[in-house]
């Protein structure tokens, strides 16, 4: 495991197309932003339920018709 110290505004690059940016630090809480291609699935570590391929396809279909609110910045 790589352990890094970062300040607000600093970032970490993973490969060529994923960037993690430190947005805010308040006490023992850190807010981060993740910029990645839309085809990269990003889940919180504590999420234990794994989505099977059918569930992922169903969610993608709902996002395409605007039934789910989902924001994924590519900028």
PDB file of N, CA and C in Angstrom:
ATOM      1  N   UNK A   1       0.850  -1.178   0.000  1.00  0.00           N
ATOM      2  CA  UNK A   1       0.000   0.000   0.000  1.00  0.00           C
ATOM      3  C   UNK A   1       0.891   1.234   0.000  1.00  0.00           C
ATOM      4  N   UNK A   2       0.569   2.141  -0.886  1.00  0.00           N
ATOM      5  CA  UNK A   2       1.256   3.426  -0.948  1.00  0.00           C
ATOM      6  C   UNK A   2       0.517   4.411  -0.052  1.00  0.00           C
ATOM      7  N   UNK A   3       1.219   5.072   0.866  1.00  0.00           N
ATOM      8  CA  UNK A   3       0.617   6.055   1.764  1.00  0.00           C
ATOM      9  C   UNK A   3       1.242   7.412   1.451  1.00  0.00           C
ATOM     10  N   UNK A   4       0.387   8.403   1.161  1.00  0.00           N
ATOM     11  CA  UNK A   4       0.852   9.733   0.795  1.00  0.00           C
ATOM     12  C   UNK A   4       0.238  10.792   1.706  1.00  0.00           C
ATOM     13  N   UNK A   5       0.965  11.872   1.910  1.00  0.00           N
ATOM     14  CA  UNK A   5       0.412  13.049   2.575  1.00  0.00           C
ATOM     15  C   UNK A   5       0.072  14.064   1.500  1.00  0.00           C
ATOM     16  N   UNK A   6      -1.106  14.646   1.555  1.00  0.00           N
ATOM     17  CA  UNK A   6      -1.564  15.610   0.570  1.00  0.00           C
ATOM     18  C   UNK A   6      -2.198  16.795   1.282  1.00  0.00           C
ATOM     19  N   UNK A   7      -2.188  17.949   0.639  1.00  0.00           N
ATOM     20  CA  UNK A   7      -2.840  19.151   1.133  1.00  0.00           C
ATOM     21  C   UNK A   7      -4.034  19.456   0.238  1.00  0.00           C
ATOM     22  N   UNK A   8      -4.914  20.344   0.706  1.00  0.00           N
ATOM     23  CA  UNK A   8      -6.075  20.749  -0.087  1.00  0.00           C
ATOM     24  C   UNK A   8      -5.592  21.273  -1.441  1.00  0.00           C
ATOM     25  N   UNK A   9      -6.220  20.794  -2.498  1.00  0.00           N
ATOM     26  CA  UNK A   9      -5.863  21.184  -3.852  1.00  0.00           C
ATOM     27  C   UNK A   9      -4.857  20.250  -4.510  1.00  0.00           C
ATOM     28  N   UNK A  10      -4.152  19.454  -3.711  1.00  0.00           N
ATOM     29  CA  UNK A  10      -3.207  18.480  -4.267  1.00  0.00           C
ATOM     30  C   UNK A  10      -3.970  17.317  -4.883  1.00  0.00           C
ATOM     31  N   UNK A  11      -3.315  16.609  -5.779  1.00  0.00           N
ATOM     32  CA  UNK A  11      -3.970  15.477  -6.428  1.00  0.00           C
ATOM     33  C   UNK A  11      -3.044  14.277  -6.497  1.00  0.00           C
ATOM     34  N   UNK A  12      -3.645  13.158  -6.832  1.00  0.00           N
ATOM     35  CA  UNK A  12      -2.933  11.893  -7.020  1.00  0.00           C
ATOM     36  C   UNK A  12      -3.406  11.342  -8.359  1.00  0.00           C
ATOM     37  N   UNK A  13      -2.490  10.969  -9.231  1.00  0.00           N
ATOM     38  CA  UNK A  13      -2.834  10.389 -10.526  1.00  0.00           C
ATOM     39  C   UNK A  13      -2.692   8.869 -10.435  1.00  0.00           C
ATOM     40  N   UNK A  14      -3.671   8.174 -11.004  1.00  0.00           N
ATOM     41  CA  UNK A  14      -3.633   6.724 -11.093  1.00  0.00           C
ATOM     42  C   UNK A  14      -3.705   6.382 -12.578  1.00  0.00           C
ATOM     43  N   UNK A  15      -2.638   5.837 -13.100  1.00  0.00           N
ATOM     44  CA  UNK A  15      -2.590   5.570 -14.535  1.00  0.00           C
ATOM     45  C   UNK A  15      -2.637   6.868 -15.308  1.00  0.00           C
ATOM     46  N   UNK A  16      -3.154   6.781 -16.536  1.00  0.00           N
ATOM     47  CA  UNK A  16      -3.210   7.961 -17.403  1.00  0.00           C
ATOM     48  C   UNK A  16      -4.509   8.741 -17.301  1.00  0.00           C
ATOM     49  N   UNK A  17      -5.557   8.121 -16.705  1.00  0.00           N
ATOM     50  CA  UNK A  17      -6.867   8.762 -16.828  1.00  0.00           C
ATOM     51  C   UNK A  17      -7.684   8.826 -15.539  1.00  0.00           C
ATOM     52  N   UNK A  18      -7.069   8.620 -14.395  1.00  0.00           N
ATOM     53  CA  UNK A  18      -7.787   8.746 -13.125  1.00  0.00           C
ATOM     54  C   UNK A  18      -7.017   9.713 -12.234  1.00  0.00           C
ATOM     55  N   UNK A  19      -7.747  10.679 -11.685  1.00  0.00           N
ATOM     56  CA  UNK A  19      -7.131  11.661 -10.792  1.00  0.00           C
ATOM     57  C   UNK A  19      -7.990  11.810  -9.543  1.00  0.00           C
ATOM     58  N   UNK A  20      -7.340  11.782  -8.389  1.00  0.00           N
ATOM     59  CA  UNK A  20      -8.008  11.996  -7.103  1.00  0.00           C
ATOM     60  C   UNK A  20      -7.519  13.335  -6.564  1.00  0.00           C
ATOM     61  N   UNK A  21      -8.471  14.227  -6.256  1.00  0.00           N
ATOM     62  CA  UNK A  21      -8.142  15.578  -5.806  1.00  0.00           C
ATOM     63  C   UNK A  21      -8.639  15.757  -4.377  1.00  0.00           C
ATOM     64  N   UNK A  22      -7.807  16.319  -3.515  1.00  0.00           N
ATOM     65  CA  UNK A  22      -8.204  16.625  -2.142  1.00  0.00           C
ATOM     66  C   UNK A  22      -8.951  17.956  -2.165  1.00  0.00           C
ATOM     67  N   UNK A  23     -10.253  17.917  -1.840  1.00  0.00           N
ATOM     68  CA  UNK A  23     -11.082  19.124  -1.889  1.00  0.00           C
ATOM     69  C   UNK A  23     -11.127  19.872  -0.569  1.00  0.00           C
ATOM     70  N   UNK A  24     -11.250  19.134   0.540  1.00  0.00           N
ATOM     71  CA  UNK A  24     -11.394  19.796   1.835  1.00  0.00           C
ATOM     72  C   UNK A  24     -10.907  18.865   2.938  1.00  0.00           C
ATOM     73  N   UNK A  25     -10.293  19.453   3.963  1.00  0.00           N
ATOM     74  CA  UNK A  25      -9.894  18.711   5.149  1.00  0.00           C
ATOM     75  C   UNK A  25     -10.473  19.444   6.344  1.00  0.00           C
ATOM     76  N   UNK A  26     -11.245  18.720   7.151  1.00  0.00           N
ATOM     77  CA  UNK A  26     -11.862  19.313   8.330  1.00  0.00           C
ATOM     78  C   UNK A  26     -11.773  18.303   9.468  1.00  0.00           C
ATOM     79  N   UNK A  27     -10.894  18.565  10.421  1.00  0.00           N
ATOM     80  CA  UNK A  27     -10.702  17.611  11.514  1.00  0.00           C
ATOM     81  C   UNK A  27     -10.156  16.305  10.981  1.00  0.00           C
ATOM     82  N   UNK A  28     -10.863  15.216  11.275  1.00  0.00           N
ATOM     83  CA  UNK A  28     -10.408  13.909  10.791  1.00  0.00           C
ATOM     84  C   UNK A  28     -11.169  13.468   9.543  1.00  0.00           C
ATOM     85  N   UNK A  29     -11.796  14.407   8.849  1.00  0.00           N
ATOM     86  CA  UNK A  29     -12.590  14.098   7.658  1.00  0.00           C
ATOM     87  C   UNK A  29     -11.963  14.758   6.425  1.00  0.00           C
ATOM     88  N   UNK A  30     -11.825  13.983   5.369  1.00  0.00           N
ATOM     89  CA  UNK A  30     -11.250  14.472   4.120  1.00  0.00           C
ATOM     90  C   UNK A  30     -12.288  14.298   3.016  1.00  0.00           C
ATOM     91  N   UNK A  31     -12.515  15.350   2.237  1.00  0.00           N
ATOM     92  CA  UNK A  31     -13.413  15.276   1.093  1.00  0.00           C
ATOM     93  C   UNK A  31     -12.559  15.220  -0.163  1.00  0.00           C
ATOM     94  N   UNK A  32     -12.838  14.217  -1.009  1.00  0.00           N
ATOM     95  CA  UNK A  32     -12.057  14.045  -2.224  1.00  0.00           C
ATOM     96  C   UNK A  32     -12.961  14.081  -3.449  1.00  0.00           C
ATOM     97  N   UNK A  33     -12.370  14.384  -4.578  1.00  0.00           N
ATOM     98  CA  UNK A  33     -13.045  14.290  -5.861  1.00  0.00           C
ATOM     99  C   UNK A  33     -12.305  13.277  -6.715  1.00  0.00           C
ATOM    100  N   UNK A  34     -13.039  12.494  -7.476  1.00  0.00           N
ATOM    101  CA  UNK A  34     -12.435  11.497  -8.344  1.00  0.00           C
ATOM    102  C   UNK A  34     -12.835  11.810  -9.779  1.00  0.00           C
ATOM    103  N   UNK A  35     -11.854  12.007 -10.637  1.00  0.00           N
ATOM    104  CA  UNK A  35     -12.098  12.213 -12.057  1.00  0.00           C
ATOM    105  C   UNK A  35     -11.631  10.963 -12.780  1.00  0.00           C
ATOM    106  N   UNK A  36     -12.566  10.327 -13.499  1.00  0.00           N
ATOM    107  CA  UNK A  36     -12.254   9.082 -14.188  1.00  0.00           C
ATOM    108  C   UNK A  36     -13.181   8.943 -15.391  1.00  0.00           C
ATOM    109  N   UNK A  37     -12.802   8.113 -16.351  1.00  0.00           N
ATOM    110  CA  UNK A  37     -13.696   7.861 -17.486  1.00  0.00           C
ATOM    111  C   UNK A  37     -15.012   7.270 -17.012  1.00  0.00           C
ATOM    112  N   UNK A  38     -16.067   7.499 -17.767  1.00  0.00           N
ATOM    113  CA  UNK A  38     -17.395   7.014 -17.384  1.00  0.00           C
ATOM    114  C   UNK A  38     -17.465   5.496 -17.284  1.00  0.00           C
ATOM    115  N   UNK A  39     -16.592   4.788 -17.999  1.00  0.00           N
ATOM    116  CA  UNK A  39     -16.646   3.332 -17.954  1.00  0.00           C
ATOM    117  C   UNK A  39     -15.948   2.736 -16.732  1.00  0.00           C
ATOM    118  N   UNK A  40     -15.355   3.577 -15.885  1.00  0.00           N
ATOM    119  CA  UNK A  40     -14.703   3.110 -14.665  1.00  0.00           C
ATOM    120  C   UNK A  40     -15.716   3.166 -13.529  1.00  0.00           C
ATOM    121  N   UNK A  41     -16.009   2.013 -12.936  1.00  0.00           N
ATOM    122  CA  UNK A  41     -16.952   1.953 -11.816  1.00  0.00           C
ATOM    123  C   UNK A  41     -16.218   2.361 -10.545  1.00  0.00           C
ATOM    124  N   UNK A  42     -16.804   3.295  -9.788  1.00  0.00           N
ATOM    125  CA  UNK A  42     -16.205   3.803  -8.556  1.00  0.00           C
ATOM    126  C   UNK A  42     -17.173   3.525  -7.421  1.00  0.00           C
ATOM    127  N   UNK A  43     -16.722   2.761  -6.429  1.00  0.00           N
ATOM    128  CA  UNK A  43     -17.539   2.413  -5.274  1.00  0.00           C
ATOM    129  C   UNK A  43     -16.794   2.756  -3.993  1.00  0.00           C
ATOM    130  N   UNK A  44     -17.531   3.141  -2.962  1.00  0.00           N
ATOM    131  CA  UNK A  44     -16.924   3.337  -1.642  1.00  0.00           C
ATOM    132  C   UNK A  44     -16.463   1.989  -1.106  1.00  0.00           C
ATOM    133  N   UNK A  45     -15.378   1.993  -0.335  1.00  0.00           N
ATOM    134  CA  UNK A  45     -14.811   0.760   0.184  1.00  0.00           C
ATOM    135  C   UNK A  45     -15.745  -0.026   1.074  1.00  0.00           C
ATOM    136  N   UNK A  46     -16.639   0.658   1.780  1.00  0.00           N
ATOM    137  CA  UNK A  46     -17.527  -0.050   2.709  1.00  0.00           C
ATOM    138  C   UNK A  46     -18.730  -0.683   2.020  1.00  0.00           C
ATOM    139  N   UNK A  47     -18.871  -0.441   0.737  1.00  0.00           N
ATOM    140  CA  UNK A  47     -19.981  -1.034   0.006  1.00  0.00           C
ATOM    141  C   UNK A  47     -19.663  -2.515  -0.198  1.00  0.00           C
ATOM    142  N   UNK A  48     -20.453  -3.361   0.427  1.00  0.00           N
ATOM    143  CA  UNK A  48     -20.165  -4.793   0.387  1.00  0.00           C
ATOM    144  C   UNK A  48     -20.979  -5.534  -0.659  1.00  0.00           C
ATOM    145  N   UNK A  49     -22.053  -4.914  -1.126  1.00  0.00           N
ATOM    146  CA  UNK A  49     -22.911  -5.584  -2.092  1.00  0.00           C
ATOM    147  C   UNK A  49     -22.292  -5.435  -3.473  1.00  0.00           C
ATOM    148  N   UNK A  50     -22.033  -6.541  -4.122  1.00  0.00           N
ATOM    149  CA  UNK A  50     -21.492  -6.504  -5.473  1.00  0.00           C
ATOM    150  C   UNK A  50     -22.624  -6.548  -6.473  1.00  0.00           C
ATOM    151  N   UNK A  51     -22.567  -5.649  -7.439  1.00  0.00           N
ATOM    152  CA  UNK A  51     -23.583  -5.637  -8.474  1.00  0.00           C
ATOM    153  C   UNK A  51     -23.189  -6.641  -9.551  1.00  0.00           C
ATOM    154  N   UNK A  52     -24.138  -7.470  -9.950  1.00  0.00           N
ATOM    155  CA  UNK A  52     -23.845  -8.376 -11.052  1.00  0.00           C
ATOM    156  C   UNK A  52     -24.029  -7.633 -12.368  1.00  0.00           C
ATOM    157  N   UNK A  53     -23.624  -8.236 -13.470  1.00  0.00           N
ATOM    158  CA  UNK A  53     -23.658  -7.566 -14.769  1.00  0.00           C
ATOM    159  C   UNK A  53     -25.056  -7.112 -15.158  1.00  0.00           C
ATOM    160  N   UNK A  54     -26.087  -7.882 -14.819  1.00  0.00           N
ATOM    161  CA  UNK A  54     -27.459  -7.494 -15.160  1.00  0.00           C
ATOM    162  C   UNK A  54     -27.871  -6.241 -14.396  1.00  0.00           C
ATOM    163  N   UNK A  55     -27.478  -6.141 -13.136  1.00  0.00           N
ATOM    164  CA  UNK A  55     -27.815  -4.961 -12.333  1.00  0.00           C
ATOM    165  C   UNK A  55     -27.128  -3.726 -12.885  1.00  0.00           C
ATOM    166  N   UNK A  56     -25.878  -3.877 -13.280  1.00  0.00           N
ATOM    167  CA  UNK A  56     -25.131  -2.749 -13.837  1.00  0.00           C
ATOM    168  C   UNK A  56     -25.797  -2.286 -15.124  1.00  0.00           C
ATOM    169  N   UNK A  57     -26.195  -3.226 -15.980  1.00  0.00           N
ATOM    170  CA  UNK A  57     -26.853  -2.866 -17.236  1.00  0.00           C
ATOM    171  C   UNK A  57     -28.183  -2.171 -16.968  1.00  0.00           C
ATOM    172  N   UNK A  58     -28.933  -2.651 -15.984  1.00  0.00           N
ATOM    173  CA  UNK A  58     -30.221  -2.033 -15.651  1.00  0.00           C
ATOM    174  C   UNK A  58     -30.020  -0.614 -15.143  1.00  0.00           C
ATOM    175  N   UNK A  59     -29.028  -0.411 -14.268  1.00  0.00           N
ATOM    176  CA  UNK A  59     -28.752   0.933 -13.761  1.00  0.00           C
ATOM    177  C   UNK A  59     -28.310   1.855 -14.886  1.00  0.00           C
ATOM    178  N   UNK A  60     -27.487   1.349 -15.785  1.00  0.00           N
ATOM    179  CA  UNK A  60     -27.032   2.167 -16.912  1.00  0.00           C
ATOM    180  C   UNK A  60     -28.226   2.583 -17.761  1.00  0.00           C
ATOM    181  N   UNK A  61     -29.167   1.678 -17.984  1.00  0.00           N
ATOM    182  CA  UNK A  61     -30.364   2.011 -18.747  1.00  0.00           C
ATOM    183  C   UNK A  61     -31.186   3.083 -18.074  1.00  0.00           C
ATOM    184  N   UNK A  62     -31.325   3.014 -16.748  1.00  0.00           N
ATOM    185  CA  UNK A  62     -32.081   4.031 -16.010  1.00  0.00           C
ATOM    186  C   UNK A  62     -31.394   5.387 -16.079  1.00  0.00           C
ATOM    187  N   UNK A  63     -30.055   5.399 -16.020  1.00  0.00           N
ATOM    188  CA  UNK A  63     -29.333   6.659 -16.099  1.00  0.00           C
ATOM    189  C   UNK A  63     -29.511   7.285 -17.473  1.00  0.00           C
ATOM    190  N   UNK A  64     -29.555   6.462 -18.506  1.00  0.00           N
ATOM    191  CA  UNK A  64     -29.696   6.985 -19.865  1.00  0.00           C
ATOM    192  C   UNK A  64     -31.050   7.649 -20.089  1.00  0.00           C
ATOM    193  N   UNK A  65     -32.090   7.193 -19.402  1.00  0.00           N
ATOM    194  CA  UNK A  65     -33.408   7.806 -19.591  1.00  0.00           C
ATOM    195  C   UNK A  65     -33.705   8.843 -18.513  1.00  0.00           C
ATOM    196  N   UNK A  66     -32.702   9.165 -17.687  1.00  0.00           N
ATOM    197  CA  UNK A  66     -32.845  10.235 -16.717  1.00  0.00           C
ATOM    198  C   UNK A  66     -33.642   9.870 -15.479  1.00  0.00           C
ATOM    199  N   UNK A  67     -33.805   8.582 -15.174  1.00  0.00           N
ATOM    200  CA  UNK A  67     -34.563   8.193 -13.993  1.00  0.00           C
ATOM    201  C   UNK A  67     -33.713   8.183 -12.731  1.00  0.00           C
ATOM    202  N   UNK A  68     -32.409   8.231 -12.879  1.00  0.00           N
ATOM    203  CA  UNK A  68     -31.527   8.297 -11.722  1.00  0.00           C
ATOM    204  C   UNK A  68     -30.706   9.571 -11.808  1.00  0.00           C
ATOM    205  N   UNK A  69     -30.453  10.209 -10.663  1.00  0.00           N
ATOM    206  CA  UNK A  69     -29.567  11.354 -10.629  1.00  0.00           C
ATOM    207  C   UNK A  69     -28.160  10.825 -10.440  1.00  0.00           C
ATOM    208  N   UNK A  70     -27.285  11.111 -11.384  1.00  0.00           N
ATOM    209  CA  UNK A  70     -25.919  10.622 -11.330  1.00  0.00           C
ATOM    210  C   UNK A  70     -25.037  11.662 -11.966  1.00  0.00           C
ATOM    211  N   UNK A  71     -24.020  12.099 -11.259  1.00  0.00           N
ATOM    212  CA  UNK A  71     -23.101  13.085 -11.802  1.00  0.00           C
ATOM    213  C   UNK A  71     -21.721  12.460 -11.850  1.00  0.00           C
ATOM    214  N   UNK A  72     -21.133  12.439 -13.027  1.00  0.00           N
ATOM    215  CA  UNK A  72     -19.788  11.914 -13.201  1.00  0.00           C
ATOM    216  C   UNK A  72     -19.050  12.899 -14.081  1.00  0.00           C
ATOM    217  N   UNK A  73     -18.204  13.685 -13.472  1.00  0.00           N
ATOM    218  CA  UNK A  73     -17.488  14.723 -14.204  1.00  0.00           C
ATOM    219  C   UNK A  73     -16.349  14.115 -15.014  1.00  0.00           C
ATOM    220  N   UNK A  74     -16.219  14.536 -16.244  1.00  0.00           N
ATOM    221  CA  UNK A  74     -15.112  14.073 -17.076  1.00  0.00           C
ATOM    222  C   UNK A  74     -14.156  15.207 -17.376  1.00  0.00           C
ATOM    223  N   UNK A  75     -14.307  16.309 -16.655  1.00  0.00           N
ATOM    224  CA  UNK A  75     -13.414  17.463 -16.892  1.00  0.00           C
ATOM    225  C   UNK A  75     -12.386  17.542 -15.818  1.00  0.00           C
TER     226      UNK A  75
END
